[in-house]
N, C-alpha and C. Protein backbone atom coordinates (compact mmCIF):
# COMPACT_ATOMS: atom_id res chain seq x y z
N UNK A 1 -78.39 -53.56 32.44
CA UNK A 1 -78.80 -52.26 32.34
C UNK A 1 -78.91 -51.57 30.97
N UNK A 2 -79.84 -50.89 30.57
CA UNK A 2 -80.03 -50.32 29.32
C UNK A 2 -79.28 -49.03 29.25
N UNK A 3 -79.19 -48.81 27.85
CA UNK A 3 -78.28 -47.35 27.62
C UNK A 3 -79.27 -46.20 28.03
N UNK A 4 -80.60 -46.30 28.00
CA UNK A 4 -81.20 -45.15 28.53
C UNK A 4 -81.19 -44.98 29.98
N UNK A 5 -81.22 -46.27 30.75
CA UNK A 5 -80.70 -46.12 32.30
C UNK A 5 -79.61 -45.59 32.60
N UNK A 6 -78.44 -45.89 31.65
CA UNK A 6 -77.11 -45.40 32.00
C UNK A 6 -76.94 -43.92 31.69
N UNK A 7 -77.68 -43.51 30.58
CA UNK A 7 -77.69 -42.05 30.60
C UNK A 7 -78.51 -41.23 31.57
N UNK A 8 -79.53 -41.87 32.03
CA UNK A 8 -80.39 -41.32 33.07
C UNK A 8 -79.31 -41.14 34.41
N UNK A 9 -78.69 -42.33 34.81
CA UNK A 9 -77.94 -42.33 36.01
C UNK A 9 -76.68 -41.15 35.94
N UNK A 10 -76.08 -41.34 34.66
CA UNK A 10 -74.99 -40.26 34.43
C UNK A 10 -75.52 -38.95 34.49
N UNK A 11 -76.66 -38.61 34.12
CA UNK A 11 -77.18 -37.40 34.08
C UNK A 11 -77.48 -36.86 35.63
N UNK A 12 -77.98 -37.61 36.38
CA UNK A 12 -78.24 -37.52 37.94
C UNK A 12 -76.79 -37.30 38.75
N UNK A 13 -75.89 -38.31 38.31
CA UNK A 13 -74.66 -38.10 39.03
C UNK A 13 -74.03 -36.76 38.56
N UNK A 14 -74.12 -36.47 37.30
CA UNK A 14 -73.48 -34.99 36.83
C UNK A 14 -74.17 -33.96 37.50
N UNK A 15 -75.50 -33.98 37.69
CA UNK A 15 -76.03 -32.92 38.36
C UNK A 15 -75.80 -32.76 39.83
N UNK A 16 -75.73 -33.75 40.51
CA UNK A 16 -75.26 -33.72 41.94
C UNK A 16 -73.75 -33.21 41.91
N UNK A 17 -72.88 -33.72 41.09
CA UNK A 17 -71.74 -33.20 41.15
C UNK A 17 -71.59 -31.65 40.83
N UNK A 18 -72.47 -31.29 39.83
CA UNK A 18 -72.64 -29.64 39.75
C UNK A 18 -72.94 -29.02 41.05
N UNK A 19 -74.01 -29.43 41.61
CA UNK A 19 -74.68 -28.92 42.64
C UNK A 19 -73.46 -29.01 43.78
N UNK A 20 -72.65 -29.96 44.04
CA UNK A 20 -71.58 -30.06 45.05
C UNK A 20 -70.77 -29.05 44.81
N UNK A 21 -70.29 -28.90 43.34
CA UNK A 21 -69.30 -28.02 42.98
C UNK A 21 -69.65 -26.52 43.41
N UNK A 22 -70.87 -26.23 43.20
CA UNK A 22 -71.60 -24.81 43.55
C UNK A 22 -71.40 -24.85 44.98
N UNK A 23 -71.84 -25.69 45.62
CA UNK A 23 -71.71 -25.50 47.13
C UNK A 23 -70.39 -25.49 47.67
N UNK A 24 -69.42 -26.00 47.34
CA UNK A 24 -68.11 -26.13 47.55
C UNK A 24 -67.37 -24.71 47.39
N UNK A 25 -67.87 -24.21 46.14
CA UNK A 25 -67.21 -22.94 45.65
C UNK A 25 -68.19 -21.81 46.42
N UNK A 26 -69.07 -21.90 46.88
CA UNK A 26 -69.82 -21.02 47.85
C UNK A 26 -69.16 -20.97 49.04
N UNK A 27 -68.86 -22.12 49.59
CA UNK A 27 -68.20 -22.19 50.98
C UNK A 27 -66.75 -21.75 50.98
N UNK A 28 -66.05 -21.92 49.82
CA UNK A 28 -64.78 -21.36 49.63
C UNK A 28 -64.82 -19.71 49.50
N UNK A 29 -65.85 -19.36 48.84
CA UNK A 29 -66.00 -17.86 48.75
C UNK A 29 -66.21 -17.17 50.37
N UNK A 30 -67.04 -17.94 50.81
CA UNK A 30 -67.46 -17.36 52.38
C UNK A 30 -66.20 -17.36 53.21
N UNK A 31 -65.39 -18.41 53.25
CA UNK A 31 -64.13 -18.61 53.81
C UNK A 31 -63.12 -17.50 53.52
N UNK A 32 -63.04 -17.15 52.26
CA UNK A 32 -62.13 -16.35 51.59
C UNK A 32 -62.71 -14.84 52.23
N UNK A 33 -63.81 -14.46 52.23
CA UNK A 33 -64.40 -13.20 52.49
C UNK A 33 -64.01 -13.19 54.02
N UNK A 34 -64.16 -14.21 54.81
CA UNK A 34 -63.95 -13.97 56.38
C UNK A 34 -62.39 -13.85 56.42
N UNK A 35 -61.53 -14.56 55.79
CA UNK A 35 -60.11 -14.34 55.79
C UNK A 35 -59.72 -12.81 55.39
N UNK A 36 -60.29 -12.44 54.28
CA UNK A 36 -60.16 -10.94 53.89
C UNK A 36 -60.30 -9.89 55.15
N UNK A 37 -61.59 -10.12 55.66
CA UNK A 37 -61.79 -9.17 56.59
C UNK A 37 -61.00 -9.36 57.78
N UNK A 38 -60.52 -10.69 58.35
CA UNK A 38 -59.53 -10.96 59.33
C UNK A 38 -58.33 -10.18 59.07
N UNK A 39 -57.86 -10.24 57.62
CA UNK A 39 -56.42 -9.64 57.42
C UNK A 39 -56.60 -8.12 57.39
N UNK A 40 -57.62 -7.49 56.95
CA UNK A 40 -57.99 -5.96 57.29
C UNK A 40 -57.98 -5.51 58.64
N UNK A 41 -58.65 -6.42 59.58
CA UNK A 41 -58.73 -6.14 60.91
C UNK A 41 -57.31 -6.40 61.59
N UNK A 42 -56.65 -7.27 61.25
CA UNK A 42 -54.97 -7.43 61.82
C UNK A 42 -54.28 -6.17 61.33
N UNK A 43 -54.58 -5.63 59.98
CA UNK A 43 -53.50 -4.65 59.53
C UNK A 43 -54.08 -3.42 60.32
N UNK A 44 -55.49 -3.16 60.51
CA UNK A 44 -55.98 -2.06 61.26
C UNK A 44 -55.04 -2.04 62.85
N UNK A 45 -55.23 -3.24 63.31
CA UNK A 45 -54.59 -3.41 64.50
C UNK A 45 -53.14 -3.20 64.79
N UNK A 46 -52.30 -3.42 63.60
CA UNK A 46 -50.94 -3.32 63.54
C UNK A 46 -50.85 -1.75 63.47
N UNK A 47 -51.63 -1.14 62.65
CA UNK A 47 -51.26 0.10 62.38
C UNK A 47 -51.77 1.07 63.79
N UNK A 48 -52.71 0.53 64.40
CA UNK A 48 -53.21 1.35 65.67
C UNK A 48 -51.97 1.15 66.80
N UNK A 49 -51.35 -0.04 66.83
CA UNK A 49 -50.34 -0.36 67.58
C UNK A 49 -48.97 0.46 67.31
N UNK A 50 -48.79 0.50 66.14
CA UNK A 50 -47.71 1.36 65.72
C UNK A 50 -47.80 2.65 65.98
N UNK A 51 -48.90 3.19 65.66
CA UNK A 51 -49.26 4.84 66.04
C UNK A 51 -49.22 4.87 67.59
N UNK A 52 -49.68 4.00 68.37
CA UNK A 52 -49.83 4.20 69.81
C UNK A 52 -48.23 4.08 70.39
N UNK A 53 -47.30 3.49 69.66
CA UNK A 53 -45.98 3.36 70.14
C UNK A 53 -45.23 4.89 69.77
N UNK A 54 -45.78 5.11 68.56
CA UNK A 54 -45.32 6.45 68.13
C UNK A 54 -45.42 7.59 69.04
N UNK A 55 -46.81 7.63 69.33
CA UNK A 55 -47.16 8.78 70.25
C UNK A 55 -46.48 8.62 71.60
N UNK A 56 -46.44 7.35 72.11
CA UNK A 56 -45.86 7.13 73.36
C UNK A 56 -44.28 7.78 73.25
N UNK A 57 -43.58 7.45 72.26
CA UNK A 57 -42.18 8.00 71.91
C UNK A 57 -42.44 9.54 72.01
N UNK A 58 -43.45 10.03 71.27
CA UNK A 58 -43.40 11.62 71.18
C UNK A 58 -43.87 12.19 72.63
N UNK A 59 -44.31 11.37 73.49
CA UNK A 59 -44.45 12.00 74.96
C UNK A 59 -43.19 11.93 75.51
N UNK A 60 -42.14 11.16 75.20
CA UNK A 60 -40.81 11.42 75.80
C UNK A 60 -40.15 12.76 75.06
N UNK A 61 -40.38 12.86 73.89
CA UNK A 61 -40.02 13.90 73.10
C UNK A 61 -40.44 15.21 73.63
N UNK A 62 -41.84 15.24 73.82
CA UNK A 62 -42.24 16.31 74.48
C UNK A 62 -41.71 16.68 76.08
N UNK A 63 -41.40 15.51 76.75
CA UNK A 63 -40.75 15.87 77.91
C UNK A 63 -39.39 16.46 77.81
N UNK A 64 -38.54 16.12 76.78
CA UNK A 64 -37.42 16.74 76.36
C UNK A 64 -37.55 18.06 76.00
N UNK A 65 -38.52 18.28 75.35
CA UNK A 65 -38.76 19.81 74.80
C UNK A 65 -39.00 20.61 76.27
N UNK A 66 -39.88 20.01 77.02
CA UNK A 66 -40.10 20.96 78.34
C UNK A 66 -38.79 21.03 79.02
N UNK A 67 -38.13 20.03 79.22
CA UNK A 67 -36.69 20.24 79.80
C UNK A 67 -35.74 21.14 79.23
N UNK A 68 -35.83 21.27 77.85
CA UNK A 68 -34.96 22.31 77.18
C UNK A 68 -35.35 23.66 77.59
N UNK A 69 -36.60 23.86 77.46
CA UNK A 69 -37.16 25.20 77.95
C UNK A 69 -36.81 25.55 79.31
N UNK A 70 -37.21 24.57 80.16
CA UNK A 70 -36.77 24.67 81.68
C UNK A 70 -35.31 25.27 81.77
N UNK A 71 -34.36 24.54 81.10
CA UNK A 71 -33.17 24.87 81.32
C UNK A 71 -32.55 26.21 80.31
N UNK A 72 -33.41 26.61 79.68
CA UNK A 72 -33.19 27.78 78.70
C UNK A 72 -32.30 27.48 77.62
N UNK A 73 -32.38 26.16 77.15
CA UNK A 73 -31.76 25.84 75.97
C UNK A 73 -32.56 25.97 74.66
N UNK A 74 -32.63 27.14 74.23
CA UNK A 74 -33.31 27.70 73.07
C UNK A 74 -33.43 26.79 71.82
N UNK A 75 -32.22 26.43 71.51
CA UNK A 75 -31.98 25.81 70.05
C UNK A 75 -32.37 24.46 70.27
N UNK A 76 -32.22 23.74 71.31
CA UNK A 76 -32.68 22.34 71.60
C UNK A 76 -34.13 22.44 71.66
N UNK A 77 -34.61 23.44 72.33
CA UNK A 77 -36.13 23.32 72.52
C UNK A 77 -36.68 23.66 71.12
N UNK A 78 -36.38 24.52 70.17
CA UNK A 78 -36.87 24.77 68.82
C UNK A 78 -36.52 23.46 68.10
N UNK A 79 -35.54 23.11 68.12
CA UNK A 79 -35.36 21.69 67.34
C UNK A 79 -36.29 20.51 67.60
N UNK A 80 -36.40 20.32 69.00
CA UNK A 80 -37.56 19.37 69.43
C UNK A 80 -38.80 19.50 69.06
N UNK A 81 -39.23 20.98 69.20
CA UNK A 81 -40.67 21.26 68.98
C UNK A 81 -40.74 21.23 67.41
N UNK A 82 -39.78 21.52 66.56
CA UNK A 82 -40.06 21.40 65.17
C UNK A 82 -40.38 19.89 65.05
N UNK A 83 -39.49 19.02 65.51
CA UNK A 83 -39.65 17.49 65.44
C UNK A 83 -40.89 16.85 65.79
N UNK A 84 -41.69 17.61 66.91
CA UNK A 84 -42.77 17.13 67.43
C UNK A 84 -44.01 17.58 66.56
N UNK A 85 -43.88 18.83 66.18
CA UNK A 85 -44.92 19.31 64.93
C UNK A 85 -44.95 18.45 63.72
N UNK A 86 -43.53 17.98 63.29
CA UNK A 86 -43.64 17.03 62.01
C UNK A 86 -44.20 15.86 62.37
N UNK A 87 -44.08 15.25 63.31
CA UNK A 87 -44.36 13.81 63.93
C UNK A 87 -45.76 13.93 64.05
N UNK A 88 -46.30 15.01 64.70
CA UNK A 88 -47.83 14.96 65.08
C UNK A 88 -48.68 15.16 63.80
N UNK A 89 -48.08 15.87 62.81
CA UNK A 89 -49.01 16.24 61.60
C UNK A 89 -48.94 14.85 60.83
N UNK A 90 -47.81 14.01 61.05
CA UNK A 90 -47.96 12.79 60.17
C UNK A 90 -48.83 11.85 60.85
N UNK A 91 -48.90 11.78 62.10
CA UNK A 91 -49.87 10.89 62.90
C UNK A 91 -51.40 11.43 62.41
N UNK A 92 -51.69 12.79 62.51
CA UNK A 92 -52.79 13.31 62.12
C UNK A 92 -53.50 12.80 60.80
N UNK A 93 -52.52 12.62 59.90
CA UNK A 93 -53.01 12.40 58.53
C UNK A 93 -53.51 10.92 58.41
N UNK A 94 -53.06 10.02 59.41
CA UNK A 94 -53.33 8.50 59.23
C UNK A 94 -54.79 8.56 59.47
N UNK A 95 -55.69 7.50 58.74
CA UNK A 95 -56.99 7.34 58.98
C UNK A 95 -57.34 6.72 60.10
N UNK A 96 -56.38 6.11 60.82
CA UNK A 96 -56.98 5.70 62.16
C UNK A 96 -57.06 6.20 63.15
N UNK A 97 -56.78 7.49 63.43
CA UNK A 97 -56.94 8.29 64.49
C UNK A 97 -58.40 8.89 64.43
N UNK A 98 -59.21 8.92 65.70
CA UNK A 98 -60.41 9.34 65.73
C UNK A 98 -60.58 10.92 65.60
N UNK A 99 -61.81 11.30 65.36
CA UNK A 99 -62.21 12.77 64.99
C UNK A 99 -61.60 13.58 66.10
N UNK A 100 -62.09 13.11 67.37
CA UNK A 100 -61.57 13.82 68.59
C UNK A 100 -60.22 14.00 68.71
N UNK A 101 -59.51 13.10 68.43
CA UNK A 101 -57.99 12.83 68.71
C UNK A 101 -57.36 13.96 67.47
N UNK A 102 -57.86 13.83 66.28
CA UNK A 102 -57.49 14.67 65.33
C UNK A 102 -57.43 16.25 65.71
N UNK A 103 -58.45 16.47 66.32
CA UNK A 103 -58.73 17.83 66.95
C UNK A 103 -57.85 18.35 68.06
N UNK A 104 -57.60 17.16 68.82
CA UNK A 104 -56.49 17.47 70.07
C UNK A 104 -55.21 17.59 69.21
N UNK A 105 -54.90 16.69 68.35
CA UNK A 105 -53.37 16.84 67.52
C UNK A 105 -53.40 18.19 66.88
N UNK A 106 -54.46 18.81 66.28
CA UNK A 106 -54.37 20.08 65.69
C UNK A 106 -54.07 21.04 66.80
N UNK A 107 -54.79 20.94 67.74
CA UNK A 107 -54.68 22.09 68.90
C UNK A 107 -53.15 22.03 69.44
N UNK A 108 -52.81 20.80 69.45
CA UNK A 108 -51.36 20.81 70.32
C UNK A 108 -50.38 21.22 69.17
N UNK A 109 -50.60 20.93 67.97
CA UNK A 109 -49.46 21.42 67.07
C UNK A 109 -49.61 22.98 66.82
N UNK A 110 -50.82 23.67 67.00
CA UNK A 110 -50.85 24.94 66.92
C UNK A 110 -50.08 25.62 68.27
N UNK A 111 -50.39 24.97 69.50
CA UNK A 111 -49.86 25.50 70.43
C UNK A 111 -48.19 25.26 70.40
N UNK A 112 -47.57 24.14 69.83
CA UNK A 112 -46.41 23.99 69.61
C UNK A 112 -45.79 25.03 68.61
N UNK A 113 -46.44 25.34 67.63
CA UNK A 113 -45.98 26.20 66.64
C UNK A 113 -45.96 27.83 67.26
N UNK A 114 -47.03 28.09 68.06
CA UNK A 114 -46.90 29.44 68.90
C UNK A 114 -45.60 29.48 69.65
N UNK A 115 -45.30 28.30 70.52
CA UNK A 115 -44.23 28.37 71.18
C UNK A 115 -42.87 28.54 70.34
N UNK A 116 -42.71 27.82 69.39
CA UNK A 116 -41.69 27.91 68.34
C UNK A 116 -41.38 29.34 67.94
N UNK A 117 -42.60 29.91 67.57
CA UNK A 117 -42.54 31.33 66.82
C UNK A 117 -41.86 32.19 67.89
N UNK A 118 -42.35 31.98 69.32
CA UNK A 118 -41.93 32.90 70.48
C UNK A 118 -40.49 32.76 70.69
N UNK A 119 -40.00 31.41 70.47
CA UNK A 119 -38.63 31.25 70.93
C UNK A 119 -37.67 31.63 69.88
N UNK A 120 -37.92 31.49 68.56
CA UNK A 120 -37.42 32.03 67.42
C UNK A 120 -37.26 33.61 67.48
N UNK A 121 -38.43 34.44 68.05
CA UNK A 121 -38.20 35.81 68.03
C UNK A 121 -37.60 36.29 69.33
N UNK A 122 -37.90 35.67 70.41
CA UNK A 122 -37.29 36.23 71.66
C UNK A 122 -36.53 35.27 72.55
N UNK A 123 -36.44 34.07 72.08
CA UNK A 123 -35.70 33.12 72.72
C UNK A 123 -36.34 32.76 74.12
N UNK A 124 -35.94 32.07 74.91
CA UNK A 124 -36.53 31.79 76.16
C UNK A 124 -36.45 33.05 77.22
N UNK A 125 -37.75 33.44 77.55
CA UNK A 125 -37.71 34.91 78.30
C UNK A 125 -37.01 34.86 79.56
N UNK A 126 -36.50 35.90 79.91
CA UNK A 126 -35.82 36.11 81.13
C UNK A 126 -36.78 36.58 82.14
N UNK A 127 -37.87 37.39 81.80
CA UNK A 127 -38.87 37.91 82.74
C UNK A 127 -39.65 36.59 83.42
N UNK A 128 -39.61 36.63 84.68
CA UNK A 128 -40.32 35.50 85.12
C UNK A 128 -41.79 35.24 85.06
N UNK A 129 -42.48 36.42 84.78
CA UNK A 129 -43.96 36.12 84.27
C UNK A 129 -44.04 35.48 82.84
N UNK A 130 -43.04 36.05 81.93
CA UNK A 130 -43.24 35.31 80.54
C UNK A 130 -42.77 33.97 80.66
N UNK A 131 -41.81 33.55 81.51
CA UNK A 131 -41.22 32.46 81.43
C UNK A 131 -42.07 31.38 82.19
N UNK A 132 -42.95 31.93 83.08
CA UNK A 132 -43.87 31.04 83.87
C UNK A 132 -44.96 30.76 82.72
N UNK A 133 -45.47 31.57 82.08
CA UNK A 133 -46.37 31.29 80.91
C UNK A 133 -45.83 30.32 79.79
N UNK A 134 -44.67 30.61 79.20
CA UNK A 134 -44.05 29.65 78.40
C UNK A 134 -44.06 28.12 78.92
N UNK A 135 -43.50 28.09 80.39
CA UNK A 135 -43.50 26.64 80.79
C UNK A 135 -44.99 26.03 81.29
N UNK A 136 -45.90 26.94 81.28
CA UNK A 136 -47.17 26.58 81.30
C UNK A 136 -47.83 25.81 80.06
N UNK A 137 -47.42 26.64 79.02
CA UNK A 137 -47.68 26.12 77.70
C UNK A 137 -46.92 24.90 77.31
N UNK A 138 -45.75 24.50 77.74
CA UNK A 138 -44.94 23.52 77.50
C UNK A 138 -45.62 22.40 78.28
N UNK A 139 -45.78 22.71 79.54
CA UNK A 139 -46.53 21.54 80.48
C UNK A 139 -47.85 20.95 79.49
N UNK A 140 -48.59 22.15 79.33
CA UNK A 140 -49.74 21.59 78.44
C UNK A 140 -49.56 20.71 77.37
N UNK A 141 -48.70 21.26 76.41
CA UNK A 141 -48.38 20.24 75.32
C UNK A 141 -47.77 18.87 75.77
N UNK A 142 -47.01 18.78 76.85
CA UNK A 142 -46.52 17.52 77.33
C UNK A 142 -47.82 16.81 77.78
N UNK A 143 -48.75 17.44 78.38
CA UNK A 143 -49.66 16.66 79.22
C UNK A 143 -50.63 16.32 78.10
N UNK A 144 -50.82 17.02 77.04
CA UNK A 144 -51.80 16.67 75.83
C UNK A 144 -51.18 15.44 75.14
N UNK A 145 -49.84 15.56 74.73
CA UNK A 145 -49.09 14.28 73.97
C UNK A 145 -49.43 13.10 74.85
N UNK A 146 -49.23 13.28 76.25
CA UNK A 146 -49.39 11.95 77.07
C UNK A 146 -50.80 11.47 77.16
N UNK A 147 -51.63 12.36 77.10
CA UNK A 147 -53.06 11.92 77.12
C UNK A 147 -53.24 11.27 75.86
N UNK A 148 -52.97 11.91 74.55
CA UNK A 148 -52.90 11.11 73.35
C UNK A 148 -52.36 9.73 73.30
N UNK A 149 -51.28 9.76 74.05
CA UNK A 149 -50.51 8.22 73.98
C UNK A 149 -51.45 7.26 74.73
N UNK A 150 -52.06 7.79 75.99
CA UNK A 150 -52.88 6.71 76.54
C UNK A 150 -54.14 6.60 75.82
N UNK A 151 -54.61 7.53 75.21
CA UNK A 151 -55.99 7.17 74.48
C UNK A 151 -55.59 6.14 73.26
N UNK A 152 -54.50 6.56 72.54
CA UNK A 152 -53.92 5.56 71.45
C UNK A 152 -53.73 4.05 72.20
N UNK A 153 -53.03 4.19 72.97
CA UNK A 153 -52.79 2.80 73.83
C UNK A 153 -54.31 2.04 74.07
N UNK A 154 -55.09 2.68 74.68
CA UNK A 154 -56.34 1.95 74.95
C UNK A 154 -56.88 1.62 73.52
N UNK A 155 -57.01 2.47 72.54
CA UNK A 155 -57.59 1.95 71.26
C UNK A 155 -56.82 0.93 70.70
N UNK A 156 -55.36 0.81 70.76
CA UNK A 156 -54.87 -0.22 70.27
C UNK A 156 -55.01 -1.39 70.76
N UNK A 157 -55.48 -1.41 72.17
CA UNK A 157 -55.94 -2.75 72.71
C UNK A 157 -57.34 -3.12 72.64
N UNK A 158 -58.14 -2.28 71.85
CA UNK A 158 -59.42 -2.65 71.57
C UNK A 158 -60.50 -1.99 72.40
N UNK A 159 -60.09 -1.06 73.03
CA UNK A 159 -61.07 -0.27 74.04
C UNK A 159 -61.84 0.42 73.14
N UNK A 160 -63.10 0.48 73.44
CA UNK A 160 -64.00 1.62 72.95
C UNK A 160 -64.10 2.91 73.63
N UNK A 161 -63.59 3.90 73.05
CA UNK A 161 -63.36 5.26 73.63
C UNK A 161 -64.46 6.15 73.41
């Protein structure tokens, strides 16, 4: 084989190797992009699940709040309500909640704050009519948080709401 033929053969082999390198690099980039997307989806799923569990825990706290009001334990009710407002506002600021859920959270927070203000000013009312109104508000708060817990649970399981 002559020197020119060797040069020609080596040039073709080098070109084929270069093309193969580009193809393998592109395949690696495609796989890395898929892995990055999968990691992002997994992170979102974990965040949704954690938020779902947190809201479920808050539903229990809302039940304790309702029980404290029913039993006229003003200080416990105020303390539990303050904790609920704090936790709900933290959940609301996370980017994984939907716009309708954010509106629900804001409305629930506002209602809890109204109840807290009333409890701080007057305590648990002794008047039957005012007490019934307060209990109705507390039941609404508990129901709203339970509904949010259910929505977050379905969302964390991948349901389209």
